[in-house]
Amino acid sequence: MEVVFQSLMTAGVAAGSVGVTAAAPNPAVSCFDPQAIDDLLSLEKNSPGLLCSLTRQFLSDSRELITRLNGGTPASAKEIEFAAHALKSTCALFGARHVTELASRVECAVRRGDLAAARRLAAETGAEFTRFENELRSHTAIASALI
């Protein structure tokens, strides 16, 4: 995922442009930030195929992080915190507002030592990531890049 981060930062996507200020997930509202998608699409102009490559890597890495959050692999509290932090950062770059917020809440719960809350939030994060992934794949420009 470091490659994704570096590619986006090199292309001028400001890390601060996608904050962790999302409200609770609302199924009636888009779960991604259109500006982040526009920023990603601008990468495609200079490097054809880059968007497809970055998106596939992002989805693959994020699914692995979700698995870690939800106990699909044995993990210590520190590993769960790391997975939540990594997911929060990469999802912010891709404009996954609600996933970013939920991952941040998982990270905070682990830091407080509230593993029960972290588990509950991790399950919500996984569900919201699936929603985000489906919406991302249905976005016309992204879908055409992934074909």
N, C-alpha and C. Protein backbone atom coordinates (compact mmCIF):
# COMPACT_ATOMS: atom_id res chain seq x y z
N MET A 1 0.82 -1.18 0.00
CA MET A 1 0.00 0.00 0.00
C MET A 1 0.87 1.25 0.00
N GLU A 2 2.10 1.11 0.45
CA GLU A 2 3.03 2.24 0.44
C GLU A 2 3.17 2.78 -0.98
N VAL A 3 3.17 1.89 -1.97
CA VAL A 3 3.28 2.32 -3.37
C VAL A 3 2.10 3.19 -3.74
N VAL A 4 0.90 2.81 -3.31
CA VAL A 4 -0.29 3.61 -3.59
C VAL A 4 -0.14 4.99 -2.97
N PHE A 5 0.25 5.02 -1.71
CA PHE A 5 0.40 6.28 -1.00
C PHE A 5 1.42 7.18 -1.70
N GLN A 6 2.57 6.62 -2.03
CA GLN A 6 3.61 7.41 -2.69
C GLN A 6 3.16 7.92 -4.06
N SER A 7 2.47 7.08 -4.82
CA SER A 7 1.99 7.49 -6.13
C SER A 7 1.01 8.64 -6.02
N LEU A 8 0.12 8.56 -5.06
CA LEU A 8 -0.87 9.61 -4.89
C LEU A 8 -0.22 10.90 -4.39
N MET A 9 0.70 10.78 -3.48
CA MET A 9 1.35 11.97 -2.95
C MET A 9 2.22 12.62 -4.02
N THR A 10 2.90 11.82 -4.83
CA THR A 10 3.72 12.35 -5.90
C THR A 10 2.86 13.07 -6.93
N ALA A 11 1.66 12.57 -7.13
CA ALA A 11 0.76 13.17 -8.11
C ALA A 11 0.11 14.44 -7.58
N GLY A 12 0.37 14.78 -6.34
CA GLY A 12 -0.15 16.02 -5.80
C GLY A 12 -1.46 15.90 -5.05
N VAL A 13 -1.85 14.72 -4.68
CA VAL A 13 -3.06 14.56 -3.89
C VAL A 13 -2.69 14.92 -2.45
N ALA A 14 -3.28 15.95 -1.92
CA ALA A 14 -2.95 16.39 -0.57
C ALA A 14 -3.58 15.47 0.44
N ALA A 15 -2.75 14.91 1.32
CA ALA A 15 -3.26 13.99 2.33
C ALA A 15 -4.30 14.66 3.21
N GLY A 16 -4.17 15.95 3.41
CA GLY A 16 -5.12 16.65 4.26
C GLY A 16 -6.43 16.95 3.57
N SER A 17 -6.53 16.71 2.27
CA SER A 17 -7.76 17.05 1.56
C SER A 17 -8.87 16.07 1.84
N VAL A 18 -8.55 14.93 2.41
CA VAL A 18 -9.57 13.94 2.73
C VAL A 18 -9.48 13.67 4.22
N GLY A 19 -10.31 14.34 5.01
CA GLY A 19 -10.19 14.24 6.45
C GLY A 19 -11.01 13.12 7.05
N VAL A 20 -10.94 13.04 8.37
CA VAL A 20 -11.66 12.01 9.10
C VAL A 20 -12.81 12.69 9.82
N THR A 21 -13.66 13.39 9.05
CA THR A 21 -14.73 14.14 9.65
C THR A 21 -16.10 13.61 9.25
N ALA A 22 -16.15 12.40 8.76
CA ALA A 22 -17.40 11.84 8.27
C ALA A 22 -18.37 11.58 9.41
N ALA A 23 -19.64 11.73 9.09
CA ALA A 23 -20.69 11.38 10.04
C ALA A 23 -20.90 9.88 9.99
N ALA A 24 -21.83 9.41 10.79
CA ALA A 24 -22.14 7.97 10.78
C ALA A 24 -22.59 7.56 9.38
N PRO A 25 -22.27 6.33 8.96
CA PRO A 25 -22.65 5.88 7.63
C PRO A 25 -24.16 5.99 7.40
N ASN A 26 -24.51 6.46 6.24
CA ASN A 26 -25.91 6.60 5.85
C ASN A 26 -26.06 5.96 4.48
N PRO A 27 -26.78 4.84 4.39
CA PRO A 27 -26.90 4.12 3.12
C PRO A 27 -27.45 4.96 1.97
N ALA A 28 -28.16 6.03 2.29
CA ALA A 28 -28.75 6.86 1.24
C ALA A 28 -27.73 7.84 0.65
N VAL A 29 -26.59 7.97 1.29
CA VAL A 29 -25.58 8.94 0.87
C VAL A 29 -24.38 8.21 0.30
N SER A 30 -23.77 8.80 -0.72
CA SER A 30 -22.57 8.21 -1.30
C SER A 30 -21.52 8.01 -0.22
N CYS A 31 -20.84 6.88 -0.28
CA CYS A 31 -19.85 6.59 0.76
C CYS A 31 -18.44 6.94 0.32
N PHE A 32 -18.30 7.61 -0.83
CA PHE A 32 -16.96 8.06 -1.18
C PHE A 32 -16.97 9.53 -1.56
N ASP A 33 -15.80 10.12 -1.40
CA ASP A 33 -15.61 11.53 -1.68
C ASP A 33 -15.32 11.70 -3.16
N PRO A 34 -16.21 12.38 -3.91
CA PRO A 34 -16.01 12.53 -5.34
C PRO A 34 -14.69 13.25 -5.69
N GLN A 35 -14.24 14.16 -4.82
CA GLN A 35 -12.98 14.86 -5.09
C GLN A 35 -11.81 13.89 -5.08
N ALA A 36 -11.82 12.93 -4.17
CA ALA A 36 -10.75 11.93 -4.14
C ALA A 36 -10.76 11.12 -5.43
N ILE A 37 -11.94 10.78 -5.92
CA ILE A 37 -12.03 10.03 -7.17
C ILE A 37 -11.51 10.88 -8.32
N ASP A 38 -11.86 12.16 -8.34
CA ASP A 38 -11.33 13.05 -9.39
C ASP A 38 -9.81 13.13 -9.33
N ASP A 39 -9.27 13.19 -8.13
CA ASP A 39 -7.81 13.23 -7.97
C ASP A 39 -7.18 11.95 -8.51
N LEU A 40 -7.82 10.82 -8.21
CA LEU A 40 -7.31 9.55 -8.72
C LEU A 40 -7.41 9.49 -10.24
N LEU A 41 -8.51 9.98 -10.78
CA LEU A 41 -8.69 9.95 -12.23
C LEU A 41 -7.66 10.83 -12.94
N SER A 42 -7.22 11.89 -12.28
CA SER A 42 -6.20 12.76 -12.88
C SER A 42 -4.88 12.02 -13.06
N LEU A 43 -4.63 10.99 -12.24
CA LEU A 43 -3.41 10.19 -12.39
C LEU A 43 -3.41 9.43 -13.71
N GLU A 44 -4.59 9.03 -14.14
CA GLU A 44 -4.73 8.21 -15.34
C GLU A 44 -4.31 8.98 -16.60
N LYS A 45 -4.48 10.29 -16.58
CA LYS A 45 -4.13 11.11 -17.75
C LYS A 45 -2.65 11.01 -18.08
N ASN A 46 -1.81 11.03 -17.06
CA ASN A 46 -0.36 11.00 -17.26
C ASN A 46 0.22 9.60 -17.28
N SER A 47 -0.47 8.67 -16.69
CA SER A 47 0.04 7.30 -16.59
C SER A 47 -1.10 6.30 -16.84
N PRO A 48 -1.42 6.06 -18.10
CA PRO A 48 -2.51 5.12 -18.39
C PRO A 48 -2.26 3.77 -17.71
N GLY A 49 -3.30 3.26 -17.09
CA GLY A 49 -3.20 1.98 -16.40
C GLY A 49 -2.88 2.11 -14.92
N LEU A 50 -2.40 3.28 -14.50
CA LEU A 50 -2.02 3.47 -13.10
C LEU A 50 -3.24 3.38 -12.19
N LEU A 51 -4.34 3.98 -12.59
CA LEU A 51 -5.54 3.95 -11.76
C LEU A 51 -6.01 2.52 -11.52
N CYS A 52 -6.01 1.73 -12.55
CA CYS A 52 -6.42 0.33 -12.42
C CYS A 52 -5.49 -0.39 -11.45
N SER A 53 -4.22 -0.22 -11.63
CA SER A 53 -3.23 -0.88 -10.78
C SER A 53 -3.37 -0.44 -9.32
N LEU A 54 -3.49 0.86 -9.10
CA LEU A 54 -3.62 1.37 -7.74
C LEU A 54 -4.90 0.89 -7.08
N THR A 55 -5.99 0.90 -7.84
CA THR A 55 -7.28 0.49 -7.29
C THR A 55 -7.28 -0.98 -6.93
N ARG A 56 -6.75 -1.81 -7.80
CA ARG A 56 -6.68 -3.24 -7.49
C ARG A 56 -5.82 -3.51 -6.26
N GLN A 57 -4.68 -2.84 -6.16
CA GLN A 57 -3.81 -3.02 -5.00
C GLN A 57 -4.49 -2.52 -3.74
N PHE A 58 -5.15 -1.38 -3.83
CA PHE A 58 -5.88 -0.82 -2.70
C PHE A 58 -6.95 -1.80 -2.20
N LEU A 59 -7.74 -2.33 -3.12
CA LEU A 59 -8.81 -3.26 -2.74
C LEU A 59 -8.25 -4.53 -2.11
N SER A 60 -7.21 -5.06 -2.69
CA SER A 60 -6.59 -6.27 -2.16
C SER A 60 -6.01 -6.04 -0.77
N ASP A 61 -5.23 -4.99 -0.63
CA ASP A 61 -4.61 -4.68 0.66
C ASP A 61 -5.66 -4.37 1.73
N SER A 62 -6.70 -3.65 1.32
CA SER A 62 -7.74 -3.27 2.28
C SER A 62 -8.50 -4.49 2.77
N ARG A 63 -8.79 -5.43 1.86
CA ARG A 63 -9.48 -6.65 2.29
C ARG A 63 -8.63 -7.41 3.31
N GLU A 64 -7.32 -7.44 3.10
CA GLU A 64 -6.42 -8.11 4.06
C GLU A 64 -6.46 -7.40 5.41
N LEU A 65 -6.47 -6.08 5.40
CA LEU A 65 -6.53 -5.31 6.65
C LEU A 65 -7.86 -5.54 7.36
N ILE A 66 -8.94 -5.61 6.61
CA ILE A 66 -10.27 -5.89 7.18
C ILE A 66 -10.26 -7.26 7.85
N THR A 67 -9.64 -8.24 7.19
CA THR A 67 -9.54 -9.59 7.76
C THR A 67 -8.79 -9.55 9.09
N ARG A 68 -7.72 -8.78 9.14
CA ARG A 68 -6.96 -8.65 10.39
C ARG A 68 -7.81 -8.01 11.48
N LEU A 69 -8.56 -6.96 11.10
CA LEU A 69 -9.40 -6.27 12.07
C LEU A 69 -10.45 -7.19 12.67
N ASN A 70 -10.98 -8.06 11.83
CA ASN A 70 -12.08 -8.92 12.26
C ASN A 70 -11.63 -10.28 12.78
N GLY A 71 -10.35 -10.41 13.06
CA GLY A 71 -9.87 -11.63 13.69
C GLY A 71 -9.72 -12.81 12.75
N GLY A 72 -9.67 -12.54 11.45
CA GLY A 72 -9.47 -13.62 10.49
C GLY A 72 -8.09 -14.22 10.57
N THR A 73 -7.18 -13.48 11.16
CA THR A 73 -5.84 -13.99 11.43
C THR A 73 -5.52 -13.62 12.88
N PRO A 74 -4.76 -14.46 13.57
CA PRO A 74 -4.42 -14.14 14.96
C PRO A 74 -3.66 -12.80 15.01
N ALA A 75 -4.12 -11.92 15.87
CA ALA A 75 -3.47 -10.61 15.94
C ALA A 75 -3.51 -10.09 17.36
N SER A 76 -2.44 -9.43 17.75
CA SER A 76 -2.40 -8.77 19.04
C SER A 76 -3.13 -7.43 18.93
N ALA A 77 -3.37 -6.81 20.04
CA ALA A 77 -4.02 -5.50 20.04
C ALA A 77 -3.19 -4.51 19.22
N LYS A 78 -1.88 -4.61 19.33
CA LYS A 78 -1.00 -3.69 18.59
C LYS A 78 -1.15 -3.92 17.07
N GLU A 79 -1.28 -5.18 16.66
CA GLU A 79 -1.46 -5.48 15.23
C GLU A 79 -2.81 -5.00 14.73
N ILE A 80 -3.83 -5.10 15.57
CA ILE A 80 -5.16 -4.59 15.19
C ILE A 80 -5.10 -3.08 15.06
N GLU A 81 -4.42 -2.43 15.99
CA GLU A 81 -4.26 -0.98 15.94
C GLU A 81 -3.54 -0.57 14.66
N PHE A 82 -2.47 -1.29 14.32
CA PHE A 82 -1.72 -0.99 13.10
C PHE A 82 -2.60 -1.18 11.87
N ALA A 83 -3.36 -2.28 11.82
CA ALA A 83 -4.24 -2.54 10.67
C ALA A 83 -5.29 -1.44 10.53
N ALA A 84 -5.86 -1.01 11.66
CA ALA A 84 -6.86 0.06 11.63
C ALA A 84 -6.24 1.36 11.13
N HIS A 85 -5.03 1.65 11.59
CA HIS A 85 -4.35 2.88 11.17
C HIS A 85 -4.04 2.84 9.67
N ALA A 86 -3.53 1.71 9.20
CA ALA A 86 -3.21 1.58 7.77
C ALA A 86 -4.47 1.68 6.92
N LEU A 87 -5.54 1.04 7.36
CA LEU A 87 -6.80 1.10 6.63
C LEU A 87 -7.33 2.53 6.60
N LYS A 88 -7.26 3.20 7.72
CA LYS A 88 -7.72 4.59 7.82
C LYS A 88 -6.97 5.47 6.81
N SER A 89 -5.67 5.32 6.74
CA SER A 89 -4.86 6.16 5.86
C SER A 89 -5.13 5.89 4.39
N THR A 90 -5.15 4.65 4.00
CA THR A 90 -5.34 4.34 2.58
C THR A 90 -6.76 4.62 2.14
N CYS A 91 -7.72 4.35 3.01
CA CYS A 91 -9.11 4.63 2.64
C CYS A 91 -9.35 6.14 2.51
N ALA A 92 -8.66 6.92 3.30
CA ALA A 92 -8.77 8.38 3.17
C ALA A 92 -8.29 8.83 1.80
N LEU A 93 -7.20 8.25 1.32
CA LEU A 93 -6.69 8.62 0.00
C LEU A 93 -7.65 8.25 -1.12
N PHE A 94 -8.42 7.18 -0.92
CA PHE A 94 -9.38 6.75 -1.93
C PHE A 94 -10.76 7.36 -1.68
N GLY A 95 -10.88 8.21 -0.68
CA GLY A 95 -12.13 8.91 -0.44
C GLY A 95 -13.20 8.10 0.24
N ALA A 96 -12.82 7.02 0.92
CA ALA A 96 -13.80 6.19 1.64
C ALA A 96 -14.07 6.83 3.00
N ARG A 97 -14.91 7.82 2.99
CA ARG A 97 -15.14 8.64 4.18
C ARG A 97 -15.57 7.83 5.40
N HIS A 98 -16.58 7.02 5.26
CA HIS A 98 -17.12 6.31 6.42
C HIS A 98 -16.17 5.20 6.89
N VAL A 99 -15.52 4.54 5.96
CA VAL A 99 -14.55 3.51 6.35
C VAL A 99 -13.41 4.16 7.12
N THR A 100 -12.98 5.32 6.66
CA THR A 100 -11.91 6.06 7.32
C THR A 100 -12.30 6.40 8.75
N GLU A 101 -13.52 6.90 8.92
CA GLU A 101 -14.01 7.25 10.25
C GLU A 101 -14.10 6.03 11.16
N LEU A 102 -14.65 4.93 10.64
CA LEU A 102 -14.79 3.72 11.45
C LEU A 102 -13.43 3.13 11.81
N ALA A 103 -12.50 3.12 10.87
CA ALA A 103 -11.15 2.60 11.16
C ALA A 103 -10.48 3.45 12.24
N SER A 104 -10.71 4.74 12.20
CA SER A 104 -10.17 5.63 13.22
C SER A 104 -10.75 5.29 14.59
N ARG A 105 -12.03 4.98 14.62
CA ARG A 105 -12.69 4.61 15.87
C ARG A 105 -12.18 3.26 16.40
N VAL A 106 -11.89 2.31 15.49
CA VAL A 106 -11.29 1.04 15.91
C VAL A 106 -9.93 1.31 16.56
N GLU A 107 -9.14 2.12 15.88
CA GLU A 107 -7.81 2.46 16.37
C GLU A 107 -7.89 3.08 17.77
N CYS A 108 -8.80 4.01 17.96
CA CYS A 108 -8.96 4.67 19.26
C CYS A 108 -9.43 3.69 20.33
N ALA A 109 -10.35 2.79 19.97
CA ALA A 109 -10.85 1.81 20.93
C ALA A 109 -9.72 0.90 21.40
N VAL A 110 -8.88 0.47 20.48
CA VAL A 110 -7.74 -0.38 20.86
C VAL A 110 -6.80 0.39 21.78
N ARG A 111 -6.52 1.63 21.45
CA ARG A 111 -5.63 2.44 22.30
C ARG A 111 -6.18 2.63 23.71
N ARG A 112 -7.53 2.70 23.81
CA ARG A 112 -8.17 2.81 25.14
C ARG A 112 -8.20 1.47 25.87
N GLY A 113 -7.89 0.39 25.15
CA GLY A 113 -7.95 -0.93 25.75
C GLY A 113 -9.34 -1.53 25.71
N ASP A 114 -10.23 -0.95 24.94
CA ASP A 114 -11.61 -1.43 24.84
C ASP A 114 -11.74 -2.36 23.63
N LEU A 115 -11.28 -3.60 23.80
CA LEU A 115 -11.26 -4.54 22.68
C LEU A 115 -12.66 -4.98 22.26
N ALA A 116 -13.62 -4.95 23.18
CA ALA A 116 -15.01 -5.29 22.81
C ALA A 116 -15.55 -4.25 21.83
N ALA A 117 -15.32 -2.98 22.12
CA ALA A 117 -15.75 -1.92 21.21
C ALA A 117 -14.99 -2.01 19.89
N ALA A 118 -13.70 -2.33 19.97
CA ALA A 118 -12.90 -2.46 18.75
C ALA A 118 -13.44 -3.56 17.85
N ARG A 119 -13.84 -4.68 18.45
CA ARG A 119 -14.40 -5.80 17.65
C ARG A 119 -15.72 -5.39 16.99
N ARG A 120 -16.58 -4.73 17.76
CA ARG A 120 -17.86 -4.28 17.22
C ARG A 120 -17.64 -3.29 16.07
N LEU A 121 -16.75 -2.35 16.29
CA LEU A 121 -16.45 -1.35 15.25
C LEU A 121 -15.76 -1.99 14.04
N ALA A 122 -14.94 -3.00 14.28
CA ALA A 122 -14.27 -3.69 13.18
C ALA A 122 -15.30 -4.36 12.27
N ALA A 123 -16.34 -4.94 12.88
CA ALA A 123 -17.40 -5.56 12.08
C ALA A 123 -18.12 -4.51 11.25
N GLU A 124 -18.40 -3.36 11.83
CA GLU A 124 -19.03 -2.26 11.10
C GLU A 124 -18.12 -1.77 9.97
N THR A 125 -16.83 -1.72 10.26
CA THR A 125 -15.86 -1.27 9.26
C THR A 125 -15.86 -2.21 8.07
N GLY A 126 -15.88 -3.50 8.32
CA GLY A 126 -15.92 -4.48 7.24
C GLY A 126 -17.15 -4.33 6.38
N ALA A 127 -18.30 -4.15 7.01
CA ALA A 127 -19.55 -3.98 6.26
C ALA A 127 -19.52 -2.70 5.44
N GLU A 128 -19.02 -1.65 6.03
CA GLU A 128 -18.95 -0.37 5.31
C GLU A 128 -17.94 -0.44 4.17
N PHE A 129 -16.84 -1.17 4.37
CA PHE A 129 -15.87 -1.31 3.29
C PHE A 129 -16.50 -2.04 2.10
N THR A 130 -17.29 -3.07 2.37
CA THR A 130 -17.97 -3.79 1.29
C THR A 130 -18.89 -2.84 0.53
N ARG A 131 -19.62 -2.02 1.26
CA ARG A 131 -20.50 -1.03 0.62
C ARG A 131 -19.67 -0.06 -0.24
N PHE A 132 -18.56 0.42 0.33
CA PHE A 132 -17.69 1.33 -0.41
C PHE A 132 -17.14 0.66 -1.67
N GLU A 133 -16.67 -0.57 -1.52
CA GLU A 133 -16.10 -1.28 -2.67
C GLU A 133 -17.14 -1.43 -3.78
N ASN A 134 -18.35 -1.79 -3.42
CA ASN A 134 -19.41 -1.93 -4.43
C ASN A 134 -19.70 -0.60 -5.12
N GLU A 135 -19.75 0.47 -4.35
CA GLU A 135 -20.00 1.79 -4.95
C GLU A 135 -18.82 2.21 -5.82
N LEU A 136 -17.62 1.95 -5.36
CA LEU A 136 -16.43 2.30 -6.13
C LEU A 136 -16.42 1.55 -7.46
N ARG A 137 -16.72 0.26 -7.41
CA ARG A 137 -16.74 -0.54 -8.64
C ARG A 137 -17.84 -0.11 -9.60
N SER A 138 -18.91 0.47 -9.07
CA SER A 138 -20.00 0.90 -9.95
C SER A 138 -19.76 2.30 -10.52
N HIS A 139 -18.79 3.01 -9.99
CA HIS A 139 -18.45 4.33 -10.52
C HIS A 139 -17.94 4.14 -11.95
N THR A 140 -18.56 4.79 -12.88
CA THR A 140 -18.30 4.55 -14.30
C THR A 140 -16.82 4.59 -14.66
N ALA A 141 -16.11 5.64 -14.25
CA ALA A 141 -14.71 5.78 -14.63
C ALA A 141 -13.85 4.70 -13.98
N ILE A 142 -14.12 4.38 -12.74
CA ILE A 142 -13.34 3.35 -12.05
C ILE A 142 -13.64 1.99 -12.68
N ALA A 143 -14.93 1.72 -12.91
CA ALA A 143 -15.32 0.43 -13.47
C ALA A 143 -14.65 0.20 -14.82
N SER A 144 -14.59 1.24 -15.65
CA SER A 144 -13.95 1.06 -16.96
C SER A 144 -12.45 0.84 -16.82
N ALA A 145 -11.84 1.38 -15.79
CA ALA A 145 -10.41 1.19 -15.57
C ALA A 145 -10.12 -0.23 -15.07
N LEU A 146 -11.08 -0.83 -14.38
CA LEU A 146 -10.87 -2.16 -13.80
C LEU A 146 -11.19 -3.30 -14.77
N ILE A 147 -11.74 -2.98 -15.91
CA ILE A 147 -12.10 -4.03 -16.88
C ILE A 147 -10.85 -4.68 -17.45
